[in-house]
Protein backbone atom coordinates (compact mmCIF):
# COMPACT_ATOMS: atom_id res chain seq x y z
CA MET A 1 -19.63 -14.83 -28.96
CA GLN A 2 -17.10 -16.47 -26.83
CA PHE A 3 -19.51 -18.87 -25.19
CA LEU A 4 -20.16 -20.52 -28.72
CA GLN A 5 -16.47 -20.93 -29.36
CA ASP A 6 -14.34 -23.91 -28.52
CA PRO A 7 -12.80 -23.62 -25.06
CA LYS A 8 -9.37 -24.44 -26.63
CA GLU A 9 -9.66 -21.50 -29.06
CA ILE A 10 -10.38 -19.04 -26.27
CA ASN A 11 -7.44 -20.38 -24.31
CA LEU A 12 -5.36 -19.85 -27.47
CA GLY A 13 -6.50 -16.28 -27.71
CA ASN A 14 -5.60 -15.52 -24.18
CA LEU A 15 -2.31 -17.18 -24.58
CA ASP A 16 -1.53 -15.13 -27.63
CA ASN A 17 -2.52 -11.90 -25.81
CA GLU A 18 -0.23 -12.84 -22.92
CA ARG A 19 2.57 -13.60 -25.45
CA ARG A 20 2.04 -10.30 -27.18
CA GLU A 21 2.09 -8.32 -23.77
CA ALA A 22 5.17 -10.10 -22.70
CA ASN A 23 7.12 -9.37 -25.68
CA ARG A 24 6.03 -5.74 -25.60
CA HIS A 25 7.24 -5.49 -22.13
CA PHE A 26 10.64 -7.14 -22.94
CA ARG A 27 11.14 -5.05 -25.89
CA LYS A 28 10.42 -1.86 -23.85
CA ARG A 29 12.92 -3.04 -21.21
CA LYS A 30 15.55 -3.83 -23.86
CA GLY A 31 15.23 -0.33 -25.16
CA ASN A 32 15.76 1.11 -21.82
CA ILE A 33 18.74 -1.02 -21.06
CA LEU A 34 20.21 -0.02 -24.49
CA LYS A 35 19.57 3.70 -23.69
CA LEU A 36 21.29 3.40 -20.41
CA MET A 37 24.37 1.50 -21.98
CA LEU A 38 24.64 4.40 -24.41
CA ILE A 39 24.54 7.10 -21.75
CA ASN A 40 27.24 5.03 -19.85
CA LEU A 41 29.30 4.87 -22.99
CA LYS A 42 29.17 8.63 -23.63
CA LEU A 43 30.14 9.32 -19.99
CA THR A 44 33.03 6.96 -20.21
CA VAL A 45 34.34 8.48 -23.52
CA ARG A 46 33.95 11.95 -21.85
CA LEU A 47 35.88 10.85 -18.81
CA LYS A 48 38.82 9.42 -20.96
CA MET A 49 38.85 12.40 -23.09
CA SER A 50 39.07 14.73 -19.97
CA GLU A 51 41.88 12.49 -18.41
CA THR A 52 43.75 12.74 -21.67
CA TYR A 53 43.33 16.50 -21.73
CA ILE A 54 44.61 16.79 -18.11
CA ARG A 55 47.68 14.61 -18.75
CA ALA A 56 48.42 16.50 -21.98
CA SER A 57 48.14 19.96 -19.98
CA VAL A 58 50.40 18.55 -17.11
CA THR A 59 53.01 17.35 -19.61
CA LEU A 60 52.96 20.62 -21.29
CA ARG A 61 53.53 22.48 -18.15
CA ARG A 62 56.47 20.32 -17.23
CA VAL A 63 57.88 20.73 -20.56
CA THR A 64 57.55 24.60 -20.70
CA SER A 65 58.96 24.78 -17.04
CA LEU A 66 62.00 22.69 -18.10
CA GLU A 67 62.64 24.86 -21.01
CA LEU A 68 62.62 28.11 -18.72
CA ILE A 69 65.27 26.61 -16.58
């Protein structure tokens, strides 16, 4: 029965609820940010690997074309 409680206790209860809700919101947001960072990192690694593969294949073509001459 809230009307029998001290008003300060009611406010503390509301404050705790708000704090819990805010923490939940920011934990969820932080998780989403970390997921996006991980996806970005994976894409960056793939891009660097493909650039390395392209450079290696171009170098290999140059070397094989020089050997044929």
